[in-house]
């Protein structure tokens, strides 16, 4: 079966290839942790992560391929990278889907890393709601934040703007 080089942000991802329904990538010092995490997520029923399939004859990690599109132009969406003229603005539905996925991930993988889920939620809000970078009025940011938190399913104490 042939190997297809994979791109990330318009650049080759060094050593990462697609082979049929799998992704192969070089093993690293994190390989055992990656294996443990992916096996845990699979056992917990988290279906949005690749599956750990082992190590190939070249010593590369084998992961399942997940069909779909990936947004790789972080500079157009991330609130801390540059000032692009065509910044991406996510719809309410996209924000809600992202927050539901984050909650599902937390429910499957909480306590695996000593951290606060609220930190992940805050980062997701900054990234997807785009405070200060999207062309919205203050009330729209509050509405979008409330919708995101409702989709996540937690009542966070968010200070008023």
N, C-alpha and C. Protein backbone atom coordinates (compact mmCIF):
# COMPACT_ATOMS: atom_id res chain seq x y z
N UNK A 1 0.85 -1.17 0.00
CA UNK A 1 0.00 0.00 0.00
C UNK A 1 0.90 1.24 0.00
N UNK A 2 0.54 2.26 -0.75
CA UNK A 2 1.39 3.45 -0.86
C UNK A 2 1.20 4.39 0.33
N UNK A 3 2.24 5.19 0.55
CA UNK A 3 2.22 6.18 1.63
C UNK A 3 1.98 7.56 1.04
N UNK A 4 1.12 8.32 1.71
CA UNK A 4 0.80 9.68 1.29
C UNK A 4 1.30 10.63 2.37
N UNK A 5 2.16 11.57 1.99
CA UNK A 5 2.66 12.54 2.96
C UNK A 5 1.51 13.42 3.42
N UNK A 6 1.47 13.71 4.72
CA UNK A 6 0.42 14.56 5.27
C UNK A 6 0.94 15.97 5.47
N UNK A 7 0.06 16.93 5.27
CA UNK A 7 0.40 18.34 5.41
C UNK A 7 -0.19 18.91 6.69
N UNK A 8 0.48 19.89 7.25
CA UNK A 8 -0.02 20.62 8.41
C UNK A 8 0.23 22.09 8.16
N UNK A 9 -0.85 22.86 8.02
CA UNK A 9 -0.70 24.29 7.80
C UNK A 9 0.02 24.60 6.50
N UNK A 10 -0.14 23.75 5.51
CA UNK A 10 0.49 23.98 4.23
C UNK A 10 1.92 23.46 4.15
N UNK A 11 2.45 22.89 5.22
CA UNK A 11 3.81 22.37 5.23
C UNK A 11 3.78 20.87 5.52
N UNK A 12 4.79 20.18 5.06
CA UNK A 12 4.88 18.75 5.36
C UNK A 12 5.06 18.53 6.84
N UNK A 13 4.39 17.55 7.36
CA UNK A 13 4.59 17.14 8.75
C UNK A 13 5.65 16.06 8.70
N UNK A 14 6.81 16.35 9.19
CA UNK A 14 7.99 15.49 9.02
C UNK A 14 7.72 14.07 9.50
N UNK A 15 7.84 13.14 8.56
CA UNK A 15 7.75 11.73 8.89
C UNK A 15 6.36 11.19 9.09
N UNK A 16 5.32 12.01 8.96
CA UNK A 16 3.95 11.55 9.17
C UNK A 16 3.32 11.27 7.82
N UNK A 17 2.81 10.04 7.66
CA UNK A 17 2.23 9.63 6.38
C UNK A 17 0.91 8.91 6.63
N UNK A 18 0.09 8.92 5.59
CA UNK A 18 -1.14 8.13 5.60
C UNK A 18 -0.89 6.89 4.79
N UNK A 19 -1.28 5.74 5.35
CA UNK A 19 -1.19 4.46 4.66
C UNK A 19 -2.58 3.83 4.77
N UNK A 20 -3.35 3.91 3.69
CA UNK A 20 -4.71 3.38 3.72
C UNK A 20 -5.54 4.07 4.78
N UNK A 21 -6.08 3.29 5.71
CA UNK A 21 -6.93 3.83 6.77
C UNK A 21 -6.14 4.09 8.06
N UNK A 22 -4.82 4.24 7.91
CA UNK A 22 -3.99 4.49 9.09
C UNK A 22 -3.08 5.70 8.86
N UNK A 23 -2.57 6.22 9.97
CA UNK A 23 -1.54 7.26 9.96
C UNK A 23 -0.33 6.65 10.63
N UNK A 24 0.83 6.85 10.03
CA UNK A 24 2.09 6.38 10.61
C UNK A 24 2.92 7.60 10.95
N UNK A 25 3.48 7.61 12.14
CA UNK A 25 4.35 8.71 12.53
C UNK A 25 5.51 8.19 13.35
N UNK A 26 6.63 8.90 13.31
CA UNK A 26 7.81 8.43 14.03
C UNK A 26 7.53 8.29 15.53
N UNK A 27 8.06 7.23 16.11
CA UNK A 27 7.98 7.07 17.56
C UNK A 27 8.84 8.12 18.22
N UNK A 28 8.48 8.44 19.45
CA UNK A 28 9.23 9.45 20.20
C UNK A 28 9.23 9.07 21.68
N UNK A 29 9.78 9.95 22.48
CA UNK A 29 9.78 9.70 23.93
C UNK A 29 8.36 9.72 24.50
N UNK A 30 7.42 10.28 23.74
CA UNK A 30 6.03 10.36 24.20
C UNK A 30 5.18 9.18 23.74
N UNK A 31 5.75 8.25 22.98
CA UNK A 31 4.97 7.16 22.40
C UNK A 31 4.21 6.37 23.45
N UNK A 32 4.82 6.03 24.56
CA UNK A 32 4.11 5.22 25.57
C UNK A 32 2.96 6.01 26.19
N UNK A 33 3.14 7.30 26.36
CA UNK A 33 2.06 8.14 26.92
C UNK A 33 0.93 8.25 25.90
N UNK A 34 1.28 8.47 24.63
CA UNK A 34 0.27 8.54 23.57
C UNK A 34 -0.53 7.25 23.53
N UNK A 35 0.15 6.14 23.60
CA UNK A 35 -0.51 4.83 23.60
C UNK A 35 -1.48 4.73 24.79
N UNK A 36 -1.00 5.04 25.98
CA UNK A 36 -1.84 4.95 27.18
C UNK A 36 -3.07 5.85 27.08
N UNK A 37 -2.87 7.08 26.62
CA UNK A 37 -3.98 8.02 26.52
C UNK A 37 -5.01 7.54 25.50
N UNK A 38 -4.55 7.14 24.32
CA UNK A 38 -5.49 6.71 23.28
C UNK A 38 -6.23 5.44 23.68
N UNK A 39 -5.55 4.52 24.33
CA UNK A 39 -6.23 3.31 24.81
C UNK A 39 -7.26 3.66 25.89
N UNK A 40 -6.92 4.58 26.78
CA UNK A 40 -7.88 5.02 27.80
C UNK A 40 -9.11 5.66 27.15
N UNK A 41 -8.88 6.56 26.19
CA UNK A 41 -10.00 7.23 25.52
C UNK A 41 -10.89 6.22 24.80
N UNK A 42 -10.29 5.21 24.18
CA UNK A 42 -11.08 4.19 23.51
C UNK A 42 -11.93 3.41 24.52
N UNK A 43 -11.32 3.01 25.64
CA UNK A 43 -12.07 2.27 26.68
C UNK A 43 -13.19 3.12 27.27
N UNK A 44 -12.96 4.44 27.34
CA UNK A 44 -13.97 5.35 27.90
C UNK A 44 -15.06 5.69 26.90
N UNK A 45 -14.93 5.22 25.67
CA UNK A 45 -15.96 5.47 24.67
C UNK A 45 -15.85 6.81 23.96
N UNK A 46 -14.67 7.43 24.03
CA UNK A 46 -14.46 8.71 23.34
C UNK A 46 -14.11 8.40 21.89
N UNK A 47 -15.06 8.62 21.00
CA UNK A 47 -14.89 8.23 19.61
C UNK A 47 -14.26 9.28 18.71
N UNK A 48 -13.83 10.39 19.27
CA UNK A 48 -13.31 11.48 18.45
C UNK A 48 -11.79 11.55 18.44
N UNK A 49 -11.14 10.54 18.91
CA UNK A 49 -9.67 10.47 18.87
C UNK A 49 -9.27 9.27 18.03
N UNK A 50 -8.10 9.34 17.43
CA UNK A 50 -7.65 8.16 16.68
C UNK A 50 -7.45 6.97 17.62
N UNK A 51 -7.50 5.79 17.08
CA UNK A 51 -7.25 4.57 17.84
C UNK A 51 -5.79 4.19 17.72
N UNK A 52 -5.26 3.69 18.83
CA UNK A 52 -3.88 3.19 18.85
C UNK A 52 -3.91 1.79 18.24
N UNK A 53 -3.10 1.60 17.18
CA UNK A 53 -3.08 0.32 16.49
C UNK A 53 -1.74 -0.40 16.60
N UNK A 54 -0.75 0.22 17.26
CA UNK A 54 0.52 -0.47 17.47
C UNK A 54 1.69 0.24 16.82
N UNK A 55 2.74 -0.55 16.59
CA UNK A 55 3.99 -0.08 15.99
C UNK A 55 4.22 -0.87 14.72
N UNK A 56 4.59 -0.20 13.63
CA UNK A 56 4.82 -0.93 12.38
C UNK A 56 6.25 -1.46 12.30
N UNK A 57 6.55 -2.14 11.19
CA UNK A 57 7.86 -2.77 11.01
C UNK A 57 9.00 -1.77 10.92
N UNK A 58 8.68 -0.48 10.72
CA UNK A 58 9.70 0.57 10.68
C UNK A 58 9.81 1.30 12.02
N UNK A 59 9.09 0.82 13.04
CA UNK A 59 9.15 1.43 14.36
C UNK A 59 8.28 2.67 14.53
N UNK A 60 7.36 2.88 13.58
CA UNK A 60 6.48 4.04 13.65
C UNK A 60 5.19 3.70 14.39
N UNK A 61 4.62 4.70 15.06
CA UNK A 61 3.30 4.55 15.66
C UNK A 61 2.28 4.36 14.54
N UNK A 62 1.30 3.50 14.79
CA UNK A 62 0.19 3.32 13.84
C UNK A 62 -1.08 3.80 14.55
N UNK A 63 -1.73 4.77 13.94
CA UNK A 63 -2.98 5.31 14.46
C UNK A 63 -4.05 5.19 13.39
N UNK A 64 -5.30 5.10 13.82
CA UNK A 64 -6.38 5.05 12.82
C UNK A 64 -6.53 6.42 12.17
N UNK A 65 -6.93 6.40 10.91
CA UNK A 65 -7.20 7.63 10.16
C UNK A 65 -8.62 8.08 10.48
N UNK A 66 -8.80 9.36 10.75
CA UNK A 66 -10.13 9.92 10.95
C UNK A 66 -10.42 10.83 9.76
N UNK A 67 -11.44 10.48 9.02
CA UNK A 67 -11.81 11.25 7.83
C UNK A 67 -12.35 12.62 8.24
N UNK A 68 -12.05 13.62 7.45
CA UNK A 68 -12.58 14.95 7.70
C UNK A 68 -11.57 16.02 7.38
N UNK A 69 -11.97 17.24 7.60
CA UNK A 69 -11.11 18.37 7.34
C UNK A 69 -10.58 18.92 8.65
N UNK A 70 -9.37 19.42 8.59
CA UNK A 70 -8.74 20.01 9.75
C UNK A 70 -8.39 21.45 9.43
N UNK A 71 -8.72 22.33 10.32
CA UNK A 71 -8.38 23.73 10.12
C UNK A 71 -6.96 23.94 10.64
N UNK A 72 -6.04 24.26 9.75
CA UNK A 72 -4.64 24.33 10.15
C UNK A 72 -4.07 25.74 10.11
N UNK A 73 -4.85 26.71 9.67
CA UNK A 73 -4.36 28.08 9.58
C UNK A 73 -4.60 28.80 10.91
N UNK A 74 -3.85 28.38 11.94
CA UNK A 74 -4.06 28.91 13.29
C UNK A 74 -3.95 30.42 13.36
N UNK A 75 -3.12 31.02 12.54
CA UNK A 75 -2.96 32.46 12.56
C UNK A 75 -4.23 33.21 12.21
N UNK A 76 -5.18 32.54 11.52
CA UNK A 76 -6.45 33.17 11.17
C UNK A 76 -7.48 33.00 12.26
N UNK A 77 -7.23 32.16 13.26
CA UNK A 77 -8.24 31.93 14.29
C UNK A 77 -7.75 32.21 15.70
N UNK A 78 -6.47 32.09 15.92
CA UNK A 78 -5.95 32.19 17.28
C UNK A 78 -5.85 33.65 17.71
N UNK A 79 -6.34 33.99 18.88
CA UNK A 79 -6.35 35.40 19.29
C UNK A 79 -4.98 35.98 19.57
N UNK A 80 -3.93 35.19 19.59
CA UNK A 80 -2.62 35.71 19.96
C UNK A 80 -1.60 35.64 18.84
N UNK A 81 -2.03 35.31 17.64
CA UNK A 81 -1.10 35.18 16.53
C UNK A 81 -1.44 36.22 15.48
N UNK A 82 -0.63 37.26 15.39
CA UNK A 82 -0.76 38.25 14.34
C UNK A 82 -2.08 38.98 14.31
N UNK A 83 -2.32 39.66 13.21
CA UNK A 83 -3.55 40.41 13.00
C UNK A 83 -3.98 40.24 11.55
N UNK A 84 -4.44 39.04 11.20
CA UNK A 84 -4.78 38.78 9.80
C UNK A 84 -6.02 39.57 9.38
N UNK A 85 -6.07 40.01 8.13
CA UNK A 85 -7.22 40.76 7.66
C UNK A 85 -8.47 39.89 7.49
N UNK A 86 -8.30 38.59 7.42
CA UNK A 86 -9.43 37.68 7.22
C UNK A 86 -9.54 36.67 8.35
N UNK A 87 -9.61 37.19 9.58
CA UNK A 87 -9.71 36.32 10.76
C UNK A 87 -10.97 35.45 10.68
N UNK A 88 -10.83 34.22 11.06
CA UNK A 88 -11.94 33.27 11.05
C UNK A 88 -12.86 33.58 12.23
N UNK A 89 -14.14 33.59 11.94
CA UNK A 89 -15.14 33.76 12.99
C UNK A 89 -16.00 32.50 12.98
N UNK A 90 -16.06 31.83 14.11
CA UNK A 90 -16.82 30.59 14.21
C UNK A 90 -18.29 30.89 14.50
N UNK A 91 -19.16 30.08 13.90
CA UNK A 91 -20.59 30.23 14.13
C UNK A 91 -20.95 29.72 15.53
N UNK A 92 -22.12 30.10 15.98
CA UNK A 92 -22.60 29.61 17.28
C UNK A 92 -22.65 28.09 17.29
N UNK A 93 -23.05 27.49 16.16
CA UNK A 93 -23.14 26.03 16.09
C UNK A 93 -21.76 25.39 16.16
N UNK A 94 -20.77 25.98 15.51
CA UNK A 94 -19.41 25.45 15.58
C UNK A 94 -18.85 25.56 16.99
N UNK A 95 -19.11 26.67 17.65
CA UNK A 95 -18.65 26.86 19.03
C UNK A 95 -19.30 25.81 19.93
N UNK A 96 -20.60 25.63 19.79
CA UNK A 96 -21.31 24.66 20.63
C UNK A 96 -20.77 23.25 20.40
N UNK A 97 -20.53 22.88 19.14
CA UNK A 97 -20.00 21.54 18.84
C UNK A 97 -18.62 21.37 19.47
N UNK A 98 -17.79 22.39 19.41
CA UNK A 98 -16.45 22.32 20.01
C UNK A 98 -16.53 22.17 21.52
N UNK A 99 -17.43 22.89 22.13
CA UNK A 99 -17.56 22.81 23.59
C UNK A 99 -18.14 21.48 24.04
N UNK A 100 -19.07 20.92 23.27
CA UNK A 100 -19.60 19.58 23.59
C UNK A 100 -18.49 18.54 23.48
N UNK A 101 -17.66 18.66 22.45
CA UNK A 101 -16.54 17.73 22.28
C UNK A 101 -15.57 17.86 23.44
N UNK A 102 -15.26 19.08 23.85
CA UNK A 102 -14.35 19.29 24.99
C UNK A 102 -14.93 18.67 26.25
N UNK A 103 -16.22 18.83 26.48
CA UNK A 103 -16.86 18.24 27.67
C UNK A 103 -16.79 16.71 27.62
N UNK A 104 -17.07 16.16 26.46
CA UNK A 104 -17.01 14.70 26.29
C UNK A 104 -15.60 14.20 26.58
N UNK A 105 -14.60 14.94 26.09
CA UNK A 105 -13.21 14.59 26.34
C UNK A 105 -12.91 14.65 27.83
N UNK A 106 -13.33 15.72 28.49
CA UNK A 106 -13.10 15.84 29.93
C UNK A 106 -13.77 14.71 30.70
N UNK A 107 -14.97 14.36 30.30
CA UNK A 107 -15.68 13.27 30.99
C UNK A 107 -14.95 11.94 30.82
N UNK A 108 -14.28 11.72 29.66
CA UNK A 108 -13.58 10.47 29.39
C UNK A 108 -12.17 10.45 29.98
N UNK A 109 -11.54 11.64 30.22
CA UNK A 109 -10.08 11.70 30.42
C UNK A 109 -9.69 12.59 31.61
N UNK A 110 -10.70 13.02 32.40
CA UNK A 110 -10.42 13.88 33.54
C UNK A 110 -9.54 13.15 34.55
N UNK A 111 -8.73 13.88 35.24
CA UNK A 111 -7.81 13.40 36.27
C UNK A 111 -6.56 12.73 35.70
N UNK A 112 -6.42 12.66 34.38
CA UNK A 112 -5.20 12.07 33.83
C UNK A 112 -4.04 13.05 33.87
N UNK A 113 -4.35 14.33 33.96
CA UNK A 113 -3.33 15.37 34.04
C UNK A 113 -3.74 16.32 35.15
N UNK A 114 -2.81 16.68 36.02
CA UNK A 114 -3.18 17.58 37.12
C UNK A 114 -3.43 18.99 36.58
N UNK A 115 -4.66 19.26 36.27
CA UNK A 115 -5.03 20.56 35.75
C UNK A 115 -6.51 20.79 35.99
N UNK A 116 -6.93 21.98 35.72
CA UNK A 116 -8.32 22.36 35.94
C UNK A 116 -9.03 22.41 34.59
N UNK A 117 -10.14 21.71 34.49
CA UNK A 117 -10.91 21.72 33.24
C UNK A 117 -11.30 23.15 32.86
N UNK A 118 -11.48 24.02 33.85
CA UNK A 118 -11.85 25.40 33.55
C UNK A 118 -10.77 26.10 32.73
N UNK A 119 -9.51 25.72 32.90
CA UNK A 119 -8.45 26.31 32.08
C UNK A 119 -8.65 25.95 30.61
N UNK A 120 -9.02 24.69 30.33
CA UNK A 120 -9.28 24.28 28.96
C UNK A 120 -10.50 25.02 28.40
N UNK A 121 -11.53 25.17 29.23
CA UNK A 121 -12.73 25.88 28.80
C UNK A 121 -12.40 27.33 28.48
N UNK A 122 -11.61 27.97 29.33
CA UNK A 122 -11.23 29.36 29.09
C UNK A 122 -10.44 29.50 27.79
N UNK A 123 -9.52 28.58 27.56
CA UNK A 123 -8.73 28.62 26.32
C UNK A 123 -9.63 28.44 25.10
N UNK A 124 -10.57 27.50 25.20
CA UNK A 124 -11.49 27.27 24.08
C UNK A 124 -12.35 28.50 23.83
N UNK A 125 -12.80 29.14 24.89
CA UNK A 125 -13.60 30.37 24.72
C UNK A 125 -12.79 31.45 24.03
N UNK A 126 -11.55 31.66 24.47
CA UNK A 126 -10.70 32.68 23.84
C UNK A 126 -10.48 32.37 22.37
N UNK A 127 -10.29 31.11 22.06
CA UNK A 127 -10.00 30.71 20.69
C UNK A 127 -11.23 30.77 19.79
N UNK A 128 -12.35 30.21 20.23
CA UNK A 128 -13.51 30.08 19.36
C UNK A 128 -14.45 31.28 19.41
N UNK A 129 -14.60 31.92 20.56
CA UNK A 129 -15.45 33.11 20.63
C UNK A 129 -14.70 34.33 20.14
N UNK A 130 -13.38 34.30 20.24
CA UNK A 130 -12.49 35.35 19.70
C UNK A 130 -12.72 36.71 20.34
N UNK A 131 -12.70 36.75 21.64
CA UNK A 131 -12.89 38.00 22.37
C UNK A 131 -11.97 39.09 21.84
N UNK A 132 -12.55 40.23 21.49
CA UNK A 132 -11.77 41.38 21.07
C UNK A 132 -11.27 41.31 19.65
N UNK A 133 -11.44 40.18 18.98
CA UNK A 133 -10.92 40.04 17.63
C UNK A 133 -12.02 39.84 16.60
N UNK A 134 -13.19 39.45 17.03
CA UNK A 134 -14.30 39.25 16.10
C UNK A 134 -15.15 40.52 16.05
N UNK A 135 -15.84 40.75 14.93
CA UNK A 135 -16.61 42.00 14.78
C UNK A 135 -17.98 41.94 15.46
N UNK A 136 -18.00 41.76 16.77
CA UNK A 136 -19.24 41.67 17.50
C UNK A 136 -19.32 42.78 18.53
N UNK A 137 -20.54 43.09 18.92
CA UNK A 137 -20.78 44.01 20.02
C UNK A 137 -20.62 43.23 21.33
N UNK A 138 -20.46 43.97 22.41
CA UNK A 138 -20.23 43.34 23.71
C UNK A 138 -21.34 42.33 24.06
N UNK A 139 -22.58 42.68 23.79
CA UNK A 139 -23.69 41.77 24.09
C UNK A 139 -23.61 40.46 23.33
N UNK A 140 -23.07 40.53 22.10
CA UNK A 140 -22.90 39.30 21.30
C UNK A 140 -21.86 38.38 21.94
N UNK A 141 -20.79 38.96 22.49
CA UNK A 141 -19.78 38.14 23.15
C UNK A 141 -20.37 37.45 24.38
N UNK A 142 -21.21 38.16 25.12
CA UNK A 142 -21.86 37.57 26.29
C UNK A 142 -22.77 36.44 25.86
N UNK A 143 -23.59 36.67 24.81
CA UNK A 143 -24.51 35.65 24.31
C UNK A 143 -23.73 34.42 23.82
N UNK A 144 -22.65 34.66 23.07
CA UNK A 144 -21.85 33.55 22.55
C UNK A 144 -21.16 32.77 23.67
N UNK A 145 -20.70 33.49 24.68
CA UNK A 145 -20.08 32.83 25.84
C UNK A 145 -21.10 32.00 26.59
N UNK A 146 -22.28 32.57 26.83
CA UNK A 146 -23.33 31.82 27.52
C UNK A 146 -23.70 30.56 26.74
N UNK A 147 -23.81 30.68 25.41
CA UNK A 147 -24.13 29.52 24.59
C UNK A 147 -23.05 28.46 24.63
N UNK A 148 -21.80 28.90 24.62
CA UNK A 148 -20.67 27.95 24.69
C UNK A 148 -20.68 27.21 26.02
N UNK A 149 -20.89 27.93 27.10
CA UNK A 149 -20.90 27.29 28.42
C UNK A 149 -22.10 26.36 28.57
N UNK A 150 -23.23 26.74 28.01
CA UNK A 150 -24.40 25.86 28.04
C UNK A 150 -24.11 24.57 27.27
N UNK A 151 -23.44 24.68 26.14
CA UNK A 151 -23.09 23.50 25.36
C UNK A 151 -22.10 22.62 26.11
N UNK A 152 -21.16 23.24 26.83
CA UNK A 152 -20.22 22.46 27.63
C UNK A 152 -20.95 21.76 28.77
N UNK A 153 -21.96 22.43 29.33
CA UNK A 153 -22.78 21.81 30.36
C UNK A 153 -22.34 22.08 31.78
N UNK A 154 -21.64 23.16 32.00
CA UNK A 154 -21.22 23.53 33.35
C UNK A 154 -21.63 24.96 33.61
N UNK A 155 -21.85 25.28 34.85
CA UNK A 155 -22.10 26.65 35.25
C UNK A 155 -20.83 27.23 35.78
N UNK A 156 -20.08 27.90 34.92
CA UNK A 156 -18.87 28.56 35.36
C UNK A 156 -19.20 29.97 35.83
N UNK A 157 -18.46 30.46 36.77
CA UNK A 157 -18.62 31.83 37.25
C UNK A 157 -17.80 32.74 36.35
N UNK A 158 -18.47 33.27 35.32
CA UNK A 158 -17.79 34.12 34.35
C UNK A 158 -18.04 35.56 34.73
N UNK A 159 -16.98 36.35 34.98
CA UNK A 159 -17.19 37.76 35.33
C UNK A 159 -17.88 38.51 34.22
N UNK A 160 -18.70 39.48 34.57
CA UNK A 160 -19.38 40.30 33.58
C UNK A 160 -18.36 41.15 32.83
N UNK A 161 -18.66 41.40 31.57
CA UNK A 161 -17.75 42.21 30.75
C UNK A 161 -17.98 43.68 31.06
